Protein backbone atom coordinates (compact mmCIF):
# COMPACT_ATOMS: atom_id res chain seq x y z
CA PHE A 1 140.15 108.21 -81.72
CA PHE A 2 138.43 104.95 -82.48
CA ILE A 3 140.01 101.78 -83.79
CA ASN A 4 137.72 98.98 -84.93
CA PHE A 5 139.25 95.56 -85.56
CA PHE A 6 137.26 93.33 -87.92
CA PHE A 7 137.80 89.58 -87.93
CA LEU A 8 138.40 88.14 -91.43
CA GLY A 9 136.42 85.05 -92.22
CA THR A 10 133.66 85.76 -89.70
CA ILE A 11 130.12 86.90 -90.38
CA PRO A 12 129.75 90.67 -89.97
CA PHE A 13 128.21 91.38 -86.61
CA ILE A 14 125.92 94.04 -85.15
CA TYR A 15 127.60 96.20 -82.55
CA ALA A 16 124.81 95.75 -80.03
CA ASN A 17 125.49 92.01 -80.07
CA SER A 18 129.25 92.31 -80.38
CA LEU A 19 129.69 94.35 -77.24
CA GLU A 20 127.60 92.26 -74.88
CA GLN A 21 130.74 91.25 -73.01
CA LYS A 22 133.21 93.84 -71.72
CA PHE A 23 136.84 93.78 -70.74
CA ALA A 24 137.25 94.34 -67.00
CA ILE A 25 139.34 97.51 -66.57
CA GLU A 26 141.21 98.86 -63.55
CA LYS A 27 140.32 102.57 -63.41
CA GLU A 28 143.64 103.62 -61.92
CA GLU A 29 145.64 101.86 -64.64
CA ASN A 30 143.10 101.55 -67.46
CA TYR A 31 144.41 98.03 -67.91
CA LEU A 32 142.83 94.61 -68.40
CA LYS A 33 142.09 92.99 -65.03
CA ASP A 34 140.11 89.75 -65.25
CA TYR A 35 140.71 89.07 -68.93
CA THR A 36 143.72 87.12 -70.17
CA PRO A 37 144.14 87.52 -73.96
CA GLU A 38 144.51 84.14 -75.65
CA TYR A 39 145.85 83.41 -79.10
CA LEU A 40 143.23 81.75 -81.31
CA LEU A 41 144.59 79.26 -83.84
CA ASP A 42 143.71 79.49 -87.53
CA THR A 43 144.93 78.88 -91.07
CA GLY A 44 148.65 79.51 -91.51
CA ASP A 45 149.68 78.68 -87.96
CA GLN A 46 152.12 75.85 -87.36
CA ILE A 47 152.12 73.80 -84.14
CA PHE A 48 154.81 71.52 -82.76
CA ILE A 49 153.11 68.59 -81.01
CA LYS A 50 155.16 66.24 -78.81
CA PHE A 51 153.69 62.85 -77.99
CA LYS A 52 155.76 61.48 -75.12
CA GLY A 53 157.27 58.16 -76.10
CA ILE A 54 155.99 58.26 -79.71
CA LYS A 55 158.57 59.86 -82.01
CA ALA A 56 156.59 58.98 -85.14
CA PHE A 57 153.75 61.27 -84.02
CA THR A 58 156.00 64.07 -82.71
CA LYS A 59 156.48 66.79 -85.35
CA ASN A 60 155.20 70.12 -86.71
CA TYR A 61 151.57 70.29 -87.86
CA SER A 62 150.31 73.09 -90.14
CA ILE A 63 146.73 74.37 -90.03
CA ASN A 64 145.23 74.15 -93.53
CA SER A 65 142.81 76.46 -95.34
CA ASP A 66 139.85 74.71 -93.67
CA GLY A 67 141.25 75.45 -90.21
CA GLU A 68 142.27 71.82 -89.62
CA ILE A 69 145.36 69.77 -88.86
CA PHE A 70 145.87 66.17 -89.96
CA LEU A 71 146.88 63.83 -87.13
CA PRO A 72 147.88 60.15 -87.01
CA GLU A 73 145.01 57.83 -86.00
CA ILE A 74 142.54 60.74 -85.74
CA GLY A 75 142.69 62.29 -89.20
CA PHE A 76 141.53 65.89 -89.74
CA LEU A 77 140.80 67.85 -86.58
CA LYS A 78 139.25 71.33 -86.40
CA THR A 79 141.56 73.83 -84.70
CA ARG A 80 140.19 77.16 -85.93
CA ASN A 81 139.45 79.64 -83.11
CA LYS A 82 140.76 77.26 -80.46
CA THR A 83 143.50 78.13 -77.99
CA ILE A 84 146.51 75.90 -77.40
CA LYS A 85 145.04 74.87 -74.03
CA GLU A 86 141.69 73.98 -75.59
CA LEU A 87 143.36 71.99 -78.36
CA LYS A 88 145.53 70.11 -75.85
CA MET A 89 142.45 69.04 -73.89
CA ILE A 90 140.76 67.81 -77.07
CA LEU A 91 143.84 65.86 -78.16
CA LYS A 92 144.28 64.16 -74.80
CA GLU A 93 140.64 63.08 -74.84
CA ARG A 94 140.71 61.85 -78.44
CA TYR A 95 143.96 59.93 -78.04
CA LYS A 96 142.74 58.03 -74.98
CA GLU A 97 141.23 55.64 -77.49
CA PHE A 98 144.66 54.81 -78.91
CA LEU A 99 147.17 55.61 -76.15
CA TYR A 100 147.35 54.79 -72.45
CA ASN A 101 147.48 58.00 -70.39
CA PRO A 102 148.64 60.17 -73.33
CA GLU A 103 151.12 62.92 -72.48
CA ILE A 104 150.98 65.67 -75.12
CA THR A 105 152.79 69.02 -75.30
CA LEU A 106 151.94 71.77 -77.83
CA VAL A 107 153.91 74.85 -78.88
CA ILE A 108 153.14 77.39 -81.61
CA VAL A 109 156.25 77.56 -83.82
CA TYR A 110 154.86 79.91 -86.48
CA ARG A 111 152.09 82.49 -86.12
CA ARG A 112 150.16 83.75 -89.12
CA PRO A 113 150.18 87.49 -89.99
CA LEU A 114 147.48 89.56 -88.30
CA SER A 115 144.59 91.01 -90.31
CA ILE A 116 143.11 94.03 -88.54
CA PHE A 117 140.62 96.71 -89.52
CA ILE A 118 141.18 100.31 -88.40
CA LYS A 119 138.62 103.08 -88.67
CA GLY A 120 137.62 106.33 -87.01
CA GLU A 121 139.58 109.58 -86.80
CA VAL A 122 142.57 108.35 -88.82
CA ASN A 123 143.98 109.49 -92.15
CA ARG A 124 143.89 106.05 -93.78
CA PRO A 125 141.16 103.79 -92.40
CA GLY A 126 141.08 100.27 -93.79
CA LEU A 127 142.34 96.71 -93.60
CA TYR A 128 145.96 96.19 -92.54
CA LEU A 129 148.41 93.34 -91.96
CA LEU A 130 150.83 93.08 -89.05
CA GLU A 131 153.60 90.50 -88.81
CA TYR A 132 155.00 88.76 -85.75
CA GLN A 133 158.64 89.84 -85.55
CA GLU A 134 159.94 86.46 -84.47
CA ASN A 135 163.40 85.42 -85.57
CA ILE A 136 162.39 82.09 -87.08
CA ASN A 137 165.86 81.34 -88.42
CA SER A 138 167.43 81.36 -84.97
CA ARG A 139 164.99 78.68 -83.83
CA THR A 140 164.93 76.45 -86.92
CA LYS A 141 167.53 73.98 -85.68
CA THR A 142 165.73 73.55 -82.36
CA TRP A 143 162.24 72.91 -83.67
CA GLN A 144 163.40 70.66 -86.49
CA ASN A 145 165.26 68.53 -83.96
CA PRO A 146 163.77 69.35 -80.55
CA GLY A 147 165.34 66.31 -78.93
CA SER A 148 168.85 67.77 -79.32
CA GLU A 149 168.33 70.42 -76.65
CA GLY A 150 165.16 69.16 -75.03
CA LEU A 151 161.59 70.38 -75.40
CA ASP A 152 161.76 72.49 -72.23
CA SER A 153 164.51 74.72 -73.60
CA PHE A 154 162.64 75.00 -76.90
CA VAL A 155 159.43 76.08 -75.16
CA GLU A 156 161.27 78.59 -73.01
CA ALA A 157 163.01 80.18 -76.02
CA THR A 158 159.81 80.26 -78.05
CA GLU A 159 157.76 81.90 -75.32
CA SER A 160 160.49 84.44 -74.61
CA GLU A 161 160.72 85.57 -78.25
CA THR A 162 156.96 85.59 -78.71
CA ASN A 163 156.29 87.70 -75.62
CA ASN A 164 158.91 90.28 -76.61
CA LYS A 165 158.03 90.65 -80.28
CA VAL A 166 154.25 90.50 -80.59
CA PRO A 167 152.39 93.28 -82.49
CA ARG A 168 150.96 95.86 -80.12
CA LEU A 169 148.49 98.76 -80.23
CA PHE A 170 151.12 101.38 -81.04
CA ASP A 171 152.35 99.27 -83.98
CA ALA A 172 148.80 99.26 -85.40
CA ILE A 173 148.34 103.02 -85.02
CA GLN A 174 151.53 103.73 -86.96
CA LEU A 175 149.96 102.14 -90.05
CA VAL A 176 147.28 104.81 -90.61
CA GLU A 177 149.64 107.70 -91.52
CA GLY A 178 148.49 110.00 -88.77
CA LEU A 179 145.29 111.05 -86.99
CA THR A 180 142.71 113.72 -87.74
CA ASN A 181 142.26 116.83 -85.62
CA ASN A 182 139.20 115.24 -84.01
CA ALA A 183 141.06 112.19 -82.73
CA ASP A 184 140.57 111.45 -79.02
CA LEU A 185 143.72 109.67 -77.90
CA SER A 186 142.24 108.95 -74.49
CA ARG A 187 139.77 106.52 -76.06
CA VAL A 188 140.92 103.82 -78.43
CA ASP A 189 138.16 101.21 -78.63
CA ILE A 190 139.16 97.63 -79.36
CA THR A 191 136.79 94.75 -80.16
CA ARG A 192 138.00 91.15 -80.15
CA LEU A 193 136.76 87.59 -80.55
CA ASN A 194 136.92 85.84 -77.18
CA SER A 195 138.03 82.24 -76.64
CA GLN A 196 135.34 79.68 -75.85
CA SER A 197 137.01 78.87 -72.52
CA GLN A 198 136.54 82.51 -71.50
CA GLY A 199 132.90 82.75 -72.58
CA GLY A 200 133.12 83.16 -76.35
CA GLY A 201 131.49 85.98 -78.33
CA TYR A 202 133.01 89.42 -78.81
CA ILE A 203 134.47 91.65 -76.10
CA THR A 204 135.57 95.28 -76.10
CA THR A 205 137.62 97.77 -74.13
CA SER A 206 138.77 101.40 -74.32
CA ILE A 207 142.47 102.15 -74.01
CA ASN A 208 143.97 105.51 -72.99
CA LEU A 209 146.70 105.92 -75.58
CA LEU A 210 147.41 109.47 -74.41
CA GLU A 211 148.71 108.06 -71.14
CA LEU A 212 151.08 105.81 -73.07
CA LEU A 213 152.47 108.77 -75.02
CA GLU A 214 152.74 111.04 -71.97
CA THR A 215 154.05 108.62 -69.34
CA GLY A 216 155.29 105.65 -71.33
CA ASN A 217 152.89 103.32 -69.49
CA GLN A 218 153.37 100.16 -71.55
CA LYS A 219 150.40 98.45 -69.91
CA ASN A 220 148.21 100.49 -72.24
CA ASN A 221 150.18 99.28 -75.25
CA ILE A 222 148.25 96.01 -75.33
CA GLN A 223 148.90 93.08 -77.64
CA ILE A 224 146.96 93.01 -80.91
CA PHE A 225 145.44 89.75 -82.20
CA ASP A 226 144.31 88.58 -85.63
CA GLY A 227 140.92 90.01 -86.55
CA ASP A 228 140.89 92.70 -83.85
CA THR A 229 138.60 95.65 -84.44
């Protein structure tokens, strides 16, 4: 069984070039070892940015159709395909011109739906959408007025919900209305755009889904990201 995740908005790539980098896999667990998946920001995401001591700058910022956010003093800033850590480093460097020793905290408060492409030995190959099952309503009061409970409690609640309710491999497979008789559940190939801080380019791995179904090993039920193949 082969799943191929195609990234919307990117130039179609040749497999020989796409697979130059590989996920490191532990043979005994068939699980990612030296690779830490990182969420790449893009259009539709919303970020809460706290500037310590500057309430006028502290608020939610939405990424527009050009993959940018509009910030005080700086103007439009490219955020597409950057991680939160990468964006934080850029902001701290840019704001040194305007602020003394800027202290900036970033949290993703809304994640865009995932666009994934599935092909291979499945009944309905094609392009699919997956939603993050976050309970936005339960957090609205906190991120509209983060000072009421403190940013630390907001970050903790956000990360807890996000980690528990992210789309995973099994969620993606349920979209294709079953597998063909030739499907090999011991090999689900996944291709993904890598963050620049981890080398960039595309990376791939093979996941043993059969082990997940037989033993319930959730380590093989990896998180799915926007644009995954």
